[in-house]
Amino acid sequence: MDIERICTTVVLILIILLIYYMSLSQRKKQDRELKKLQDNLKKGDKVITYSGLSGTIEKIEEDRIILKTYPDKVKISIEKWAVAGLDDRGVE
């Protein structure tokens, strides 16, 4: 009976480790894709930030971008890492 309990425990631990590994590798893949997007930003791209700001890129500096926001066209400077993704909504 002890062998059955040990086998069940080992299988359960292996399943937990497999799920953990799969979720970790998926997260790393998403992080790599986001970093690639942030590194390939260009003037005119419509983006949205983690804080919810959206606008069009006016200028790109080494680690910052100048963002022209909607609808008042206010220009603000933000860090590149703050870009959460491209904004594909038809707003402007």
PDB file of N, CA and C in Angstrom:
ATOM      1  N   MET A   1       0.806  -1.188   0.000  1.00  0.00           N
ATOM      2  CA  MET A   1       0.000   0.000   0.000  1.00  0.00           C
ATOM      3  C   MET A   1       0.863   1.270   0.000  1.00  0.00           C
ATOM      4  N   ASP A   2       1.996   1.236   0.591  1.00  0.00           N
ATOM      5  CA  ASP A   2       2.890   2.387   0.608  1.00  0.00           C
ATOM      6  C   ASP A   2       3.401   2.704  -0.791  1.00  0.00           C
ATOM      7  N   ILE A   3       3.640   1.670  -1.599  1.00  0.00           N
ATOM      8  CA  ILE A   3       4.115   1.870  -2.963  1.00  0.00           C
ATOM      9  C   ILE A   3       3.065   2.618  -3.780  1.00  0.00           C
ATOM     10  N   GLU A   4       1.804   2.282  -3.632  1.00  0.00           N
ATOM     11  CA  GLU A   4       0.729   2.957  -4.352  1.00  0.00           C
ATOM     12  C   GLU A   4       0.662   4.432  -3.975  1.00  0.00           C
ATOM     13  N   ARG A   5       0.811   4.695  -2.711  1.00  0.00           N
ATOM     14  CA  ARG A   5       0.765   6.073  -2.222  1.00  0.00           C
ATOM     15  C   ARG A   5       1.948   6.875  -2.767  1.00  0.00           C
ATOM     16  N   ILE A   6       3.116   6.269  -2.787  1.00  0.00           N
ATOM     17  CA  ILE A   6       4.317   6.938  -3.306  1.00  0.00           C
ATOM     18  C   ILE A   6       4.158   7.203  -4.796  1.00  0.00           C
ATOM     19  N   CYS A   7       3.683   6.229  -5.554  1.00  0.00           N
ATOM     20  CA  CYS A   7       3.474   6.400  -6.996  1.00  0.00           C
ATOM     21  C   CYS A   7       2.462   7.501  -7.275  1.00  0.00           C
ATOM     22  N   THR A   8       1.391   7.531  -6.535  1.00  0.00           N
ATOM     23  CA  THR A   8       0.370   8.559  -6.710  1.00  0.00           C
ATOM     24  C   THR A   8       0.947   9.943  -6.413  1.00  0.00           C
ATOM     25  N   THR A   9       1.721  10.037  -5.360  1.00  0.00           N
ATOM     26  CA  THR A   9       2.341  11.309  -4.994  1.00  0.00           C
ATOM     27  C   THR A   9       3.314  11.769  -6.076  1.00  0.00           C
ATOM     28  N   VAL A  10       4.123  10.850  -6.587  1.00  0.00           N
ATOM     29  CA  VAL A  10       5.093  11.194  -7.627  1.00  0.00           C
ATOM     30  C   VAL A  10       4.375  11.656  -8.895  1.00  0.00           C
ATOM     31  N   VAL A  11       3.344  10.949  -9.303  1.00  0.00           N
ATOM     32  CA  VAL A  11       2.580  11.338 -10.487  1.00  0.00           C
ATOM     33  C   VAL A  11       1.947  12.710 -10.291  1.00  0.00           C
ATOM     34  N   LEU A  12       1.388  12.954  -9.134  1.00  0.00           N
ATOM     35  CA  LEU A  12       0.771  14.242  -8.840  1.00  0.00           C
ATOM     36  C   LEU A  12       1.807  15.368  -8.906  1.00  0.00           C
ATOM     37  N   ILE A  13       2.963  15.144  -8.330  1.00  0.00           N
ATOM     38  CA  ILE A  13       4.038  16.145  -8.360  1.00  0.00           C
ATOM     39  C   ILE A  13       4.492  16.395  -9.798  1.00  0.00           C
ATOM     40  N   LEU A  14       4.617  15.346 -10.591  1.00  0.00           N
ATOM     41  CA  LEU A  14       5.015  15.500 -11.992  1.00  0.00           C
ATOM     42  C   LEU A  14       3.990  16.305 -12.784  1.00  0.00           C
ATOM     43  N   ILE A  15       2.720  16.055 -12.528  1.00  0.00           N
ATOM     44  CA  ILE A  15       1.665  16.809 -13.213  1.00  0.00           C
ATOM     45  C   ILE A  15       1.731  18.286 -12.832  1.00  0.00           C
ATOM     46  N   ILE A  16       1.929  18.566 -11.556  1.00  0.00           N
ATOM     47  CA  ILE A  16       2.034  19.956 -11.089  1.00  0.00           C
ATOM     48  C   ILE A  16       3.241  20.641 -11.721  1.00  0.00           C
ATOM     49  N   LEU A  17       4.374  19.945 -11.774  1.00  0.00           N
ATOM     50  CA  LEU A  17       5.581  20.509 -12.386  1.00  0.00           C
ATOM     51  C   LEU A  17       5.373  20.764 -13.884  1.00  0.00           C
ATOM     52  N   LEU A  18       4.695  19.870 -14.561  1.00  0.00           N
ATOM     53  CA  LEU A  18       4.431  20.038 -15.986  1.00  0.00           C
ATOM     54  C   LEU A  18       3.548  21.262 -16.241  1.00  0.00           C
ATOM     55  N   ILE A  19       2.518  21.422 -15.450  1.00  0.00           N
ATOM     56  CA  ILE A  19       1.636  22.589 -15.594  1.00  0.00           C
ATOM     57  C   ILE A  19       2.403  23.877 -15.307  1.00  0.00           C
ATOM     58  N   TYR A  20       3.232  23.869 -14.277  1.00  0.00           N
ATOM     59  CA  TYR A  20       4.043  25.031 -13.937  1.00  0.00           C
ATOM     60  C   TYR A  20       4.989  25.373 -15.081  1.00  0.00           C
ATOM     61  N   TYR A  21       5.665  24.380 -15.628  1.00  0.00           N
ATOM     62  CA  TYR A  21       6.607  24.607 -16.726  1.00  0.00           C
ATOM     63  C   TYR A  21       5.884  25.161 -17.951  1.00  0.00           C
ATOM     64  N   MET A  22       4.717  24.615 -18.274  1.00  0.00           N
ATOM     65  CA  MET A  22       3.975  25.078 -19.443  1.00  0.00           C
ATOM     66  C   MET A  22       3.524  26.528 -19.283  1.00  0.00           C
ATOM     67  N   SER A  23       3.062  26.890 -18.112  1.00  0.00           N
ATOM     68  CA  SER A  23       2.620  28.267 -17.886  1.00  0.00           C
ATOM     69  C   SER A  23       3.810  29.227 -17.877  1.00  0.00           C
ATOM     70  N   LEU A  24       4.934  28.795 -17.333  1.00  0.00           N
ATOM     71  CA  LEU A  24       6.133  29.627 -17.307  1.00  0.00           C
ATOM     72  C   LEU A  24       6.669  29.847 -18.716  1.00  0.00           C
ATOM     73  N   SER A  25       6.706  28.822 -19.529  1.00  0.00           N
ATOM     74  CA  SER A  25       7.219  28.972 -20.890  1.00  0.00           C
ATOM     75  C   SER A  25       6.291  29.839 -21.731  1.00  0.00           C
ATOM     76  N   GLN A  26       4.986  29.753 -21.513  1.00  0.00           N
ATOM     77  CA  GLN A  26       4.032  30.596 -22.230  1.00  0.00           C
ATOM     78  C   GLN A  26       4.233  32.059 -21.850  1.00  0.00           C
ATOM     79  N   ARG A  27       4.444  32.320 -20.575  1.00  0.00           N
ATOM     80  CA  ARG A  27       4.662  33.696 -20.112  1.00  0.00           C
ATOM     81  C   ARG A  27       5.952  34.271 -20.697  1.00  0.00           C
ATOM     82  N   LYS A  28       7.007  33.457 -20.740  1.00  0.00           N
ATOM     83  CA  LYS A  28       8.275  33.927 -21.320  1.00  0.00           C
ATOM     84  C   LYS A  28       8.096  34.254 -22.798  1.00  0.00           C
ATOM     85  N   LYS A  29       7.318  33.459 -23.502  1.00  0.00           N
ATOM     86  CA  LYS A  29       7.063  33.704 -24.918  1.00  0.00           C
ATOM     87  C   LYS A  29       6.331  35.034 -25.101  1.00  0.00           C
ATOM     88  N   GLN A  30       5.326  35.296 -24.263  1.00  0.00           N
ATOM     89  CA  GLN A  30       4.599  36.556 -24.336  1.00  0.00           C
ATOM     90  C   GLN A  30       5.514  37.738 -24.034  1.00  0.00           C
ATOM     91  N   ASP A  31       6.395  37.584 -23.044  1.00  0.00           N
ATOM     92  CA  ASP A  31       7.337  38.647 -22.697  1.00  0.00           C
ATOM     93  C   ASP A  31       8.282  38.947 -23.858  1.00  0.00           C
ATOM     94  N   ARG A  32       8.773  37.900 -24.528  1.00  0.00           N
ATOM     95  CA  ARG A  32       9.666  38.089 -25.681  1.00  0.00           C
ATOM     96  C   ARG A  32       8.950  38.811 -26.813  1.00  0.00           C
ATOM     97  N   GLU A  33       7.691  38.443 -27.085  1.00  0.00           N
ATOM     98  CA  GLU A  33       6.922  39.092 -28.148  1.00  0.00           C
ATOM     99  C   GLU A  33       6.673  40.563 -27.834  1.00  0.00           C
ATOM    100  N   LEU A  34       6.356  40.884 -26.572  1.00  0.00           N
ATOM    101  CA  LEU A  34       6.127  42.267 -26.174  1.00  0.00           C
ATOM    102  C   LEU A  34       7.417  43.083 -26.287  1.00  0.00           C
ATOM    103  N   LYS A  35       8.531  42.525 -25.864  1.00  0.00           N
ATOM    104  CA  LYS A  35       9.826  43.212 -25.961  1.00  0.00           C
ATOM    105  C   LYS A  35      10.172  43.487 -27.424  1.00  0.00           C
ATOM    106  N   LYS A  36       9.894  42.512 -28.294  1.00  0.00           N
ATOM    107  CA  LYS A  36      10.144  42.688 -29.727  1.00  0.00           C
ATOM    108  C   LYS A  36       9.277  43.820 -30.272  1.00  0.00           C
ATOM    109  N   LEU A  37       7.995  43.856 -29.876  1.00  0.00           N
ATOM    110  CA  LEU A  37       7.100  44.926 -30.307  1.00  0.00           C
ATOM    111  C   LEU A  37       7.622  46.278 -29.844  1.00  0.00           C
ATOM    112  N   GLN A  38       8.042  46.367 -28.576  1.00  0.00           N
ATOM    113  CA  GLN A  38       8.539  47.630 -28.032  1.00  0.00           C
ATOM    114  C   GLN A  38       9.825  48.071 -28.732  1.00  0.00           C
ATOM    115  N   ASP A  39      10.669  47.142 -29.111  1.00  0.00           N
ATOM    116  CA  ASP A  39      11.922  47.481 -29.789  1.00  0.00           C
ATOM    117  C   ASP A  39      11.694  47.907 -31.242  1.00  0.00           C
ATOM    118  N   ASN A  40      10.580  47.490 -31.840  1.00  0.00           N
ATOM    119  CA  ASN A  40      10.314  47.777 -33.247  1.00  0.00           C
ATOM    120  C   ASN A  40       9.264  48.864 -33.455  1.00  0.00           C
ATOM    121  N   LEU A  41       9.004  49.669 -32.427  1.00  0.00           N
ATOM    122  CA  LEU A  41       8.049  50.766 -32.582  1.00  0.00           C
ATOM    123  C   LEU A  41       8.593  51.784 -33.578  1.00  0.00           C
ATOM    124  N   LYS A  42       7.682  52.414 -34.315  1.00  0.00           N
ATOM    125  CA  LYS A  42       8.111  53.431 -35.274  1.00  0.00           C
ATOM    126  C   LYS A  42       7.145  54.612 -35.235  1.00  0.00           C
ATOM    127  N   LYS A  43       7.597  55.738 -35.761  1.00  0.00           N
ATOM    128  CA  LYS A  43       6.778  56.950 -35.790  1.00  0.00           C
ATOM    129  C   LYS A  43       5.482  56.656 -36.542  1.00  0.00           C
ATOM    130  N   GLY A  44       4.366  57.100 -35.969  1.00  0.00           N
ATOM    131  CA  GLY A  44       3.066  56.904 -36.588  1.00  0.00           C
ATOM    132  C   GLY A  44       2.295  55.707 -36.054  1.00  0.00           C
ATOM    133  N   ASP A  45       2.966  54.820 -35.295  1.00  0.00           N
ATOM    134  CA  ASP A  45       2.269  53.672 -34.705  1.00  0.00           C
ATOM    135  C   ASP A  45       1.273  54.151 -33.653  1.00  0.00           C
ATOM    136  N   LYS A  46       0.095  53.554 -33.647  1.00  0.00           N
ATOM    137  CA  LYS A  46      -0.901  53.838 -32.618  1.00  0.00           C
ATOM    138  C   LYS A  46      -0.708  52.810 -31.514  1.00  0.00           C
ATOM    139  N   VAL A  47      -0.483  53.294 -30.285  1.00  0.00           N
ATOM    140  CA  VAL A  47      -0.176  52.399 -29.175  1.00  0.00           C
ATOM    141  C   VAL A  47      -1.085  52.683 -27.989  1.00  0.00           C
ATOM    142  N   ILE A  48      -1.108  51.721 -27.075  1.00  0.00           N
ATOM    143  CA  ILE A  48      -1.804  51.883 -25.803  1.00  0.00           C
ATOM    144  C   ILE A  48      -0.813  51.488 -24.712  1.00  0.00           C
ATOM    145  N   THR A  49      -0.845  52.218 -23.596  1.00  0.00           N
ATOM    146  CA  THR A  49       0.100  51.961 -22.509  1.00  0.00           C
ATOM    147  C   THR A  49      -0.568  51.138 -21.418  1.00  0.00           C
ATOM    148  N   TYR A  50       0.247  50.654 -20.488  1.00  0.00           N
ATOM    149  CA  TYR A  50      -0.279  49.893 -19.364  1.00  0.00           C
ATOM    150  C   TYR A  50      -1.217  50.728 -18.499  1.00  0.00           C
ATOM    151  N   SER A  51      -1.025  52.045 -18.482  1.00  0.00           N
ATOM    152  CA  SER A  51      -1.893  52.897 -17.668  1.00  0.00           C
ATOM    153  C   SER A  51      -3.173  53.280 -18.390  1.00  0.00           C
ATOM    154  N   GLY A  52      -3.297  52.886 -19.668  1.00  0.00           N
ATOM    155  CA  GLY A  52      -4.521  53.147 -20.405  1.00  0.00           C
ATOM    156  C   GLY A  52      -4.446  54.322 -21.355  1.00  0.00           C
ATOM    157  N   LEU A  53      -3.320  55.024 -21.383  1.00  0.00           N
ATOM    158  CA  LEU A  53      -3.170  56.117 -22.342  1.00  0.00           C
ATOM    159  C   LEU A  53      -3.046  55.537 -23.742  1.00  0.00           C
ATOM    160  N   SER A  54      -3.636  56.224 -24.715  1.00  0.00           N
ATOM    161  CA  SER A  54      -3.472  55.788 -26.092  1.00  0.00           C
ATOM    162  C   SER A  54      -3.167  56.994 -26.952  1.00  0.00           C
ATOM    163  N   GLY A  55      -2.446  56.754 -28.030  1.00  0.00           N
ATOM    164  CA  GLY A  55      -2.077  57.839 -28.918  1.00  0.00           C
ATOM    165  C   GLY A  55      -1.176  57.355 -30.031  1.00  0.00           C
ATOM    166  N   THR A  56      -0.651  58.314 -30.762  1.00  0.00           N
ATOM    167  CA  THR A  56       0.219  58.037 -31.904  1.00  0.00           C
ATOM    168  C   THR A  56       1.642  58.470 -31.568  1.00  0.00           C
ATOM    169  N   ILE A  57       2.603  57.661 -31.954  1.00  0.00           N
ATOM    170  CA  ILE A  57       4.010  57.974 -31.681  1.00  0.00           C
ATOM    171  C   ILE A  57       4.444  59.133 -32.574  1.00  0.00           C
ATOM    172  N   GLU A  58       4.942  60.205 -31.948  1.00  0.00           N
ATOM    173  CA  GLU A  58       5.456  61.378 -32.652  1.00  0.00           C
ATOM    174  C   GLU A  58       6.958  61.283 -32.877  1.00  0.00           C
ATOM    175  N   LYS A  59       7.662  60.783 -31.869  1.00  0.00           N
ATOM    176  CA  LYS A  59       9.123  60.743 -31.923  1.00  0.00           C
ATOM    177  C   LYS A  59       9.608  59.584 -31.062  1.00  0.00           C
ATOM    178  N   ILE A  60      10.694  58.972 -31.497  1.00  0.00           N
ATOM    179  CA  ILE A  60      11.279  57.862 -30.734  1.00  0.00           C
ATOM    180  C   ILE A  60      12.691  58.235 -30.328  1.00  0.00           C
ATOM    181  N   GLU A  61      12.959  58.108 -29.046  1.00  0.00           N
ATOM    182  CA  GLU A  61      14.300  58.297 -28.523  1.00  0.00           C
ATOM    183  C   GLU A  61      14.816  56.937 -28.083  1.00  0.00           C
ATOM    184  N   GLU A  62      15.980  56.876 -27.486  1.00  0.00           N
ATOM    185  CA  GLU A  62      16.602  55.597 -27.138  1.00  0.00           C
ATOM    186  C   GLU A  62      15.707  54.715 -26.271  1.00  0.00           C
ATOM    187  N   ASP A  63      15.220  55.264 -25.156  1.00  0.00           N
ATOM    188  CA  ASP A  63      14.394  54.457 -24.255  1.00  0.00           C
ATOM    189  C   ASP A  63      13.044  55.119 -23.952  1.00  0.00           C
ATOM    190  N   ARG A  64      12.738  56.172 -24.672  1.00  0.00           N
ATOM    191  CA  ARG A  64      11.483  56.908 -24.466  1.00  0.00           C
ATOM    192  C   ARG A  64      10.816  57.167 -25.804  1.00  0.00           C
ATOM    193  N   ILE A  65       9.506  57.422 -25.736  1.00  0.00           N
ATOM    194  CA  ILE A  65       8.790  57.854 -26.934  1.00  0.00           C
ATOM    195  C   ILE A  65       7.951  59.078 -26.588  1.00  0.00           C
ATOM    196  N   ILE A  66       7.742  59.922 -27.595  1.00  0.00           N
ATOM    197  CA  ILE A  66       6.841  61.063 -27.450  1.00  0.00           C
ATOM    198  C   ILE A  66       5.522  60.621 -28.066  1.00  0.00           C
ATOM    199  N   LEU A  67       4.478  60.675 -27.262  1.00  0.00           N
ATOM    200  CA  LEU A  67       3.168  60.172 -27.651  1.00  0.00           C
ATOM    201  C   LEU A  67       2.197  61.341 -27.791  1.00  0.00           C
ATOM    202  N   LYS A  68       1.500  61.418 -28.928  1.00  0.00           N
ATOM    203  CA  LYS A  68       0.463  62.423 -29.128  1.00  0.00           C
ATOM    204  C   LYS A  68      -0.866  61.756 -28.810  1.00  0.00           C
ATOM    205  N   THR A  69      -1.522  62.212 -27.742  1.00  0.00           N
ATOM    206  CA  THR A  69      -2.728  61.539 -27.238  1.00  0.00           C
ATOM    207  C   THR A  69      -3.973  61.991 -27.989  1.00  0.00           C
ATOM    208  N   TYR A  70      -5.037  61.187 -27.841  1.00  0.00           N
ATOM    209  CA  TYR A  70      -6.341  61.499 -28.428  1.00  0.00           C
ATOM    210  C   TYR A  70      -7.158  62.252 -27.396  1.00  0.00           C
ATOM    211  N   PRO A  71      -8.098  63.024 -27.690  1.00  0.00           N
ATOM    212  CA  PRO A  71      -8.381  63.685 -28.956  1.00  0.00           C
ATOM    213  C   PRO A  71      -7.742  65.058 -29.024  1.00  0.00           C
ATOM    214  N   ASP A  72      -7.136  65.510 -27.918  1.00  0.00           N
ATOM    215  CA  ASP A  72      -6.613  66.882 -27.843  1.00  0.00           C
ATOM    216  C   ASP A  72      -5.201  67.033 -28.384  1.00  0.00           C
ATOM    217  N   LYS A  73      -4.581  65.942 -28.811  1.00  0.00           N
ATOM    218  CA  LYS A  73      -3.243  65.943 -29.385  1.00  0.00           C
ATOM    219  C   LYS A  73      -2.186  66.507 -28.433  1.00  0.00           C
ATOM    220  N   VAL A  74      -2.336  66.183 -27.140  1.00  0.00           N
ATOM    221  CA  VAL A  74      -1.361  66.565 -26.133  1.00  0.00           C
ATOM    222  C   VAL A  74      -0.161  65.631 -26.265  1.00  0.00           C
ATOM    223  N   LYS A  75       1.039  66.184 -26.269  1.00  0.00           N
ATOM    224  CA  LYS A  75       2.239  65.370 -26.404  1.00  0.00           C
ATOM    225  C   LYS A  75       2.811  65.072 -25.021  1.00  0.00           C
ATOM    226  N   ILE A  76       3.087  63.796 -24.772  1.00  0.00           N
ATOM    227  CA  ILE A  76       3.688  63.388 -23.508  1.00  0.00           C
ATOM    228  C   ILE A  76       4.858  62.454 -23.796  1.00  0.00           C
ATOM    229  N   SER A  77       5.762  62.393 -22.865  1.00  0.00           N
ATOM    230  CA  SER A  77       6.926  61.516 -22.980  1.00  0.00           C
ATOM    231  C   SER A  77       6.733  60.329 -22.038  1.00  0.00           C
ATOM    232  N   ILE A  78       6.887  59.114 -22.582  1.00  0.00           N
ATOM    233  CA  ILE A  78       6.752  57.914 -21.762  1.00  0.00           C
ATOM    234  C   ILE A  78       7.908  56.965 -22.055  1.00  0.00           C
ATOM    235  N   GLU A  79       8.151  56.061 -21.137  1.00  0.00           N
ATOM    236  CA  GLU A  79       9.163  55.032 -21.331  1.00  0.00           C
ATOM    237  C   GLU A  79       8.651  53.996 -22.328  1.00  0.00           C
ATOM    238  N   LYS A  80       9.562  53.413 -23.107  1.00  0.00           N
ATOM    239  CA  LYS A  80       9.155  52.383 -24.072  1.00  0.00           C
ATOM    240  C   LYS A  80       8.525  51.176 -23.386  1.00  0.00           C
ATOM    241  N   TRP A  81       9.014  50.816 -22.200  1.00  0.00           N
ATOM    242  CA  TRP A  81       8.492  49.631 -21.522  1.00  0.00           C
ATOM    243  C   TRP A  81       7.041  49.804 -21.100  1.00  0.00           C
ATOM    244  N   ALA A  82       6.542  51.062 -21.084  1.00  0.00           N
ATOM    245  CA  ALA A  82       5.162  51.313 -20.682  1.00  0.00           C
ATOM    246  C   ALA A  82       4.162  50.990 -21.790  1.00  0.00           C
ATOM    247  N   VAL A  83       4.652  50.738 -23.011  1.00  0.00           N
ATOM    248  CA  VAL A  83       3.755  50.396 -24.126  1.00  0.00           C
ATOM    249  C   VAL A  83       3.277  48.964 -23.955  1.00  0.00           C
ATOM    250  N   ALA A  84       1.973  48.794 -23.863  1.00  0.00           N
ATOM    251  CA  ALA A  84       1.390  47.457 -23.674  1.00  0.00           C
ATOM    252  C   ALA A  84       1.091  46.772 -25.001  1.00  0.00           C
ATOM    253  N   GLY A  85       0.899  47.571 -26.049  1.00  0.00           N
ATOM    254  CA  GLY A  85       0.609  46.958 -27.340  1.00  0.00           C
ATOM    255  C   GLY A  85       0.171  48.003 -28.339  1.00  0.00           C
ATOM    256  N   LEU A  86      -0.092  47.536 -29.551  1.00  0.00           N
ATOM    257  CA  LEU A  86      -0.593  48.417 -30.597  1.00  0.00           C
ATOM    258  C   LEU A  86      -2.091  48.618 -30.390  1.00  0.00           C
ATOM    259  N   ASP A  87      -2.551  49.821 -30.697  1.00  0.00           N
ATOM    260  CA  ASP A  87      -3.960  50.166 -30.533  1.00  0.00           C
ATOM    261  C   ASP A  87      -4.616  50.094 -31.909  1.00  0.00           C
ATOM    262  N   ASP A  88      -5.401  49.062 -32.143  1.00  0.00           N
ATOM    263  CA  ASP A  88      -6.006  48.877 -33.459  1.00  0.00           C
ATOM    264  C   ASP A  88      -7.429  49.416 -33.544  1.00  0.00           C
ATOM    265  N   ARG A  89      -7.852  50.145 -32.536  1.00  0.00           N
ATOM    266  CA  ARG A  89      -9.183  50.751 -32.574  1.00  0.00           C
ATOM    267  C   ARG A  89      -9.155  51.939 -33.533  1.00  0.00           C
ATOM    268  N   GLY A  90     -10.260  52.248 -34.122  1.00  0.00           N
ATOM    269  CA  GLY A  90     -10.342  53.350 -35.076  1.00  0.00           C
ATOM    270  C   GLY A  90     -10.653  54.679 -34.402  1.00  0.00           C
ATOM    271  N   VAL A  91      -9.818  55.100 -33.462  1.00  0.00           N
ATOM    272  CA  VAL A  91     -10.053  56.337 -32.704  1.00  0.00           C
ATOM    273  C   VAL A  91      -9.074  57.387 -33.175  1.00  0.00           C
ATOM    274  N   GLU A  92      -9.558  58.612 -33.330  1.00  0.00           N
ATOM    275  CA  GLU A  92      -8.683  59.765 -33.541  1.00  0.00           C
ATOM    276  C   GLU A  92      -9.448  60.974 -33.902  1.00  0.00           C
TER     277      GLU A  92
END
